[in-house]
Protein backbone atom coordinates (compact mmCIF):
# COMPACT_ATOMS: atom_id res chain seq x y z
CA MET A 1 19.95 7.30 5.02
CA LEU A 2 18.79 5.03 7.87
CA ASP A 3 21.91 2.88 8.08
CA GLY A 4 22.36 1.53 11.59
CA LYS A 5 18.90 2.66 12.70
CA THR A 6 16.33 0.26 14.13
CA ILE A 7 12.68 1.25 13.89
CA ALA A 8 9.93 -0.37 15.98
CA PHE A 9 6.58 -1.08 14.31
CA LEU A 10 4.03 -1.51 17.12
CA VAL A 11 0.94 -3.56 16.25
CA ALA A 12 -1.70 -5.64 17.99
CA PRO A 13 -1.96 -9.39 17.34
CA GLU A 14 -4.71 -8.67 14.85
CA GLY A 15 -6.42 -5.76 13.16
CA VAL A 16 -3.53 -3.86 11.56
CA GLU A 17 -4.22 -2.55 8.06
CA GLN A 18 -1.67 -4.53 6.04
CA VAL A 19 -0.65 -1.81 3.59
CA GLU A 20 -0.10 0.64 6.48
CA LEU A 21 2.37 -1.87 7.90
CA THR A 22 4.06 -3.13 4.75
CA GLU A 23 4.60 0.15 2.86
CA PRO A 24 6.37 2.04 5.70
CA TRP A 25 8.27 -1.18 6.52
CA LYS A 26 9.49 -1.39 2.93
CA ALA A 27 10.42 2.32 2.95
CA VAL A 28 12.50 1.89 6.13
CA LYS A 29 14.28 -1.16 4.66
CA GLN A 30 14.93 0.57 1.32
CA ALA A 31 16.44 3.52 3.21
CA GLY A 32 18.86 1.14 4.96
CA GLY A 33 17.06 0.86 8.30
CA THR A 34 16.10 -2.23 10.25
CA PRO A 35 12.38 -2.51 10.96
CA ARG A 36 11.29 -4.75 13.87
CA LEU A 37 7.75 -5.91 14.57
CA VAL A 38 6.70 -5.38 18.19
CA SER A 39 3.39 -6.70 19.47
CA THR A 40 1.57 -7.51 22.69
CA SER A 41 1.83 -11.28 22.06
CA PRO A 42 4.59 -13.49 20.60
CA GLY A 43 4.23 -15.52 17.43
CA GLN A 44 2.39 -14.10 14.44
CA ILE A 45 0.15 -11.09 13.91
CA GLN A 46 -2.82 -11.19 11.55
CA ALA A 47 -3.00 -8.25 9.15
CA PHE A 48 -6.18 -7.16 7.38
CA ASN A 49 -7.21 -5.54 4.12
CA HIS A 50 -9.92 -3.40 5.63
CA LEU A 51 -12.21 -6.08 7.14
CA ASP A 52 -10.79 -9.10 5.32
CA LYS A 53 -7.95 -11.22 6.69
CA ALA A 54 -4.71 -10.71 4.78
CA ASP A 55 -1.21 -12.02 5.54
CA THR A 56 0.43 -12.95 8.82
CA PHE A 57 3.77 -11.58 9.99
CA ALA A 58 6.26 -12.86 12.58
CA VAL A 59 6.68 -10.84 15.77
CA ASP A 60 10.27 -9.88 16.57
CA ASP A 61 9.72 -8.58 20.11
CA THR A 62 6.89 -8.45 22.61
CA VAL A 63 6.10 -5.06 24.04
CA ASP A 64 6.50 -6.23 27.64
CA GLN A 65 10.11 -7.29 26.96
CA ALA A 66 11.17 -4.81 24.26
CA ASP A 67 13.60 -2.12 25.35
CA PRO A 68 12.52 1.21 23.84
CA ALA A 69 16.11 2.43 24.19
CA SER A 70 17.18 -0.07 21.52
CA TYR A 71 15.00 1.63 18.90
CA ASP A 72 15.63 4.89 17.06
CA GLY A 73 11.99 5.56 16.20
CA LEU A 74 8.46 4.20 16.29
CA VAL A 75 5.89 3.61 13.54
CA LEU A 76 2.26 3.03 14.47
CA PRO A 77 0.30 1.55 11.54
CA GLY A 78 -3.46 1.91 11.52
CA GLY A 79 -6.44 -0.28 11.00
CA VAL A 80 -9.56 0.30 13.08
CA ALA A 81 -9.09 -2.62 15.49
CA ASN A 82 -5.29 -2.42 15.83
CA PRO A 83 -4.97 0.80 17.88
CA ASP A 84 -8.14 -0.04 19.80
CA PHE A 85 -6.47 -3.25 21.01
CA LEU A 86 -3.19 -1.43 21.70
CA ARG A 87 -4.76 1.29 23.81
CA MET A 88 -6.19 -1.39 26.08
CA SER A 89 -2.67 -2.75 26.76
CA PRO A 90 -0.83 -0.81 29.48
CA ASP A 91 2.49 -2.20 28.18
CA ALA A 92 1.77 -1.01 24.63
CA VAL A 93 0.71 2.44 25.84
CA ARG A 94 3.80 2.71 28.03
CA PHE A 95 6.02 1.59 25.11
CA ALA A 96 4.54 4.26 22.79
CA ARG A 97 4.80 6.99 25.44
CA SER A 98 8.46 6.12 26.09
CA PHE A 99 9.42 7.38 22.62
CA PHE A 100 7.89 10.77 23.42
CA ASP A 101 9.58 10.84 26.83
CA ALA A 102 12.94 10.07 25.18
CA GLY A 103 12.47 12.67 22.42
CA LYS A 104 12.50 10.02 19.69
CA PRO A 105 10.55 10.40 16.43
CA VAL A 106 7.13 8.76 16.08
CA ALA A 107 4.96 8.25 13.00
CA ALA A 108 1.27 7.25 13.06
CA ILE A 109 -1.23 6.75 10.26
CA CYS A 110 -5.01 6.46 10.00
CA HIS A 111 -6.55 5.22 13.29
CA ALA A 112 -3.15 4.79 15.01
CA PRO A 113 -3.34 8.09 16.95
CA TRP A 114 -5.90 6.41 19.24
CA THR A 115 -2.93 4.76 20.93
CA LEU A 116 -1.32 8.19 21.32
CA VAL A 117 -4.50 9.61 22.87
CA GLU A 118 -4.37 6.83 25.47
CA ALA A 119 -0.68 7.57 26.07
CA ASP A 120 -1.61 11.24 26.70
CA VAL A 121 1.03 12.56 24.29
CA VAL A 122 -1.05 14.57 21.80
CA ARG A 123 -1.86 17.58 24.00
CA GLY A 124 -0.53 20.73 22.31
CA ARG A 125 0.39 18.83 19.14
CA THR A 126 -0.91 19.29 15.58
CA LEU A 127 -1.76 16.12 13.72
CA THR A 128 -4.01 14.40 11.26
CA SER A 129 -5.71 11.01 11.23
CA TRP A 130 -8.66 9.17 9.81
CA PRO A 131 -11.43 11.81 10.06
CA SER A 132 -13.49 9.90 12.65
CA LEU A 133 -10.73 10.43 15.24
CA GLN A 134 -10.76 14.23 15.07
CA THR A 135 -13.11 14.68 18.05
CA ASP A 136 -11.08 12.23 20.18
CA LEU A 137 -7.88 14.05 19.28
CA ARG A 138 -9.34 17.49 19.97
CA ASN A 139 -10.74 16.27 23.30
CA ALA A 140 -7.23 15.04 24.15
CA GLY A 141 -5.83 18.55 23.54
CA ALA A 142 -4.54 18.20 19.98
CA THR A 143 -5.15 20.41 16.98
CA TRP A 144 -6.55 18.23 14.19
CA VAL A 145 -6.04 19.20 10.53
CA ASP A 146 -7.17 17.51 7.32
CA LYS A 147 -3.88 17.12 5.42
CA GLU A 148 -2.08 14.31 3.62
CA VAL A 149 0.85 14.42 6.04
CA VAL A 150 1.63 16.55 9.08
CA VAL A 151 5.08 16.89 10.61
CA CYS A 152 4.69 18.32 14.11
CA THR A 153 7.70 19.61 16.02
CA GLU A 154 5.63 21.32 18.74
CA GLY A 155 6.91 19.12 21.54
CA GLY A 156 9.86 17.17 22.81
CA ASN A 157 9.98 14.98 19.71
CA THR A 158 8.85 15.03 16.09
CA LEU A 159 5.53 13.40 15.22
CA VAL A 160 4.51 12.49 11.66
CA THR A 161 0.86 11.67 10.95
CA SER A 162 -1.23 10.85 7.89
CA ARG A 163 -4.92 10.17 7.28
CA LYS A 164 -5.27 6.97 5.25
CA PRO A 165 -3.71 4.47 2.85
CA ASP A 166 -4.02 6.96 -0.02
CA ASP A 167 -1.49 9.13 1.86
CA LEU A 168 1.13 6.39 2.15
CA LYS A 169 3.54 7.82 -0.44
CA ALA A 170 3.82 11.12 1.44
CA PHE A 171 3.79 9.35 4.82
CA CYS A 172 6.62 6.98 3.87
CA GLN A 173 8.72 9.87 2.54
CA ALA A 174 8.17 11.86 5.74
CA VAL A 175 9.01 8.78 7.85
CA THR A 176 12.32 8.12 6.12
CA ASP A 177 13.21 11.82 6.15
CA LEU A 178 12.36 12.09 9.85
CA PHE A 179 14.15 8.96 10.98
CA GLY A 180 17.13 9.81 8.79
CA ASP A 181 17.53 13.19 10.49
CA LYS A 182 17.49 11.85 14.04
């Protein structure tokens, strides 16, 4: 379904919620796609299980050198600290926004939409997230809903969002369906 497709997973050097990285990554691989880990620094990223350190993962590309045109889609895993770090990186924000500008599909889970708020790409869109982001998203012009998964086509690209790790099954299915269609 995703044969020949390369999907960027954008994360900060630390703070990503491990399961929100590994489950969509596994879904992309099982569907025949090639996931690539993009971060703001080279080397390894440190994942977390909530507030506890988990595993480390090797970075494939740094966001300042990655060419968004070489990717077919973007996944933004959550974790509280991860998107907070990313939204403070102009290169990371620019990288995320480039997928919207190019009409490419994007998927974000949990706290990840914070990066999209910073990229100014949620205005007029309907999405979900971890509940504490709803005011930020509404203030940025989005319509926030409390659903397991939301597939929004109200813009130049398709955006998939989910609320939390408990939604990963539905999120991963929507991600592979979305990236398989594009």
